[in-house]
Amino acid sequence: YSYFGIFIASVLYGSVYSDRQNLYLINSFAKIDSKMRIRLEQIIMSYTTGHTIAAT
């Protein structure tokens, strides 16, 4: 019976641990995505501003 309890505990602990890892991975991707989006908006703004100034 003790082996069965250890097996159940390891399965439950493993699933909780993997969920935490997945959450950390998703959060890190979200942070990278927001930084890239801000940088991309800056590049687009400078590009369009440069073209409108040059066109006038």
Protein backbone atom coordinates (compact mmCIF):
# COMPACT_ATOMS: atom_id res chain seq x y z
CA TYR A 1 0.00 0.00 0.00
CA SER A 2 2.84 2.39 0.69
CA TYR A 3 4.10 2.11 -2.89
CA PHE A 4 0.67 3.08 -4.16
CA GLY A 5 0.64 6.17 -1.91
CA ILE A 6 4.10 7.19 -3.05
CA PHE A 7 3.02 6.75 -6.67
CA ILE A 8 -0.10 8.91 -6.18
CA ALA A 9 1.92 11.59 -4.37
CA SER A 10 4.58 11.68 -7.09
CA VAL A 11 1.95 11.98 -9.84
CA LEU A 12 0.15 14.80 -8.03
CA TYR A 13 3.37 16.63 -7.18
CA GLY A 14 4.67 16.21 -10.72
CA SER A 15 1.52 17.66 -12.26
CA VAL A 16 1.54 20.68 -9.92
CA TYR A 17 5.23 21.26 -10.61
CA SER A 18 4.77 21.03 -14.38
CA ASP A 19 1.82 23.44 -14.19
CA ARG A 20 4.05 25.93 -12.38
CA GLN A 21 6.74 25.52 -15.03
CA ASN A 22 4.21 26.03 -17.82
CA LEU A 23 2.86 29.15 -16.11
CA TYR A 24 6.38 30.56 -15.76
CA LEU A 25 7.07 29.80 -19.42
CA ILE A 26 3.86 31.50 -20.55
CA ASN A 27 4.59 34.56 -18.39
CA SER A 28 8.11 34.87 -19.81
CA PHE A 29 6.73 34.72 -23.36
CA ALA A 30 4.13 37.35 -22.50
CA LYS A 31 6.83 39.68 -21.17
CA ILE A 32 8.95 39.20 -24.28
CA ASP A 33 5.91 39.76 -26.49
CA SER A 34 4.99 43.04 -24.79
CA LYS A 35 8.57 44.31 -25.04
CA MET A 36 8.74 43.40 -28.73
CA ARG A 37 5.37 45.00 -29.41
CA ILE A 38 6.43 48.27 -27.78
CA ARG A 39 9.69 48.27 -29.76
CA LEU A 40 7.84 47.47 -32.98
CA GLU A 41 5.42 50.35 -32.38
CA GLN A 42 8.37 52.70 -31.85
CA ILE A 43 9.96 51.58 -35.10
CA ILE A 44 6.69 51.98 -37.00
CA MET A 45 6.10 55.43 -35.51
CA SER A 46 9.60 56.64 -36.40
CA TYR A 47 9.28 55.15 -39.89
CA THR A 48 5.91 56.77 -40.62
CA THR A 49 6.97 60.08 -39.06
CA GLY A 50 10.10 60.14 -41.20
CA HIS A 51 8.13 59.50 -44.35
CA THR A 52 5.48 62.11 -43.64
CA ILE A 53 8.14 64.72 -42.89
CA ALA A 54 10.07 63.80 -46.03
CA ALA A 55 6.92 63.86 -48.17
CA THR A 56 5.89 67.37 -47.11
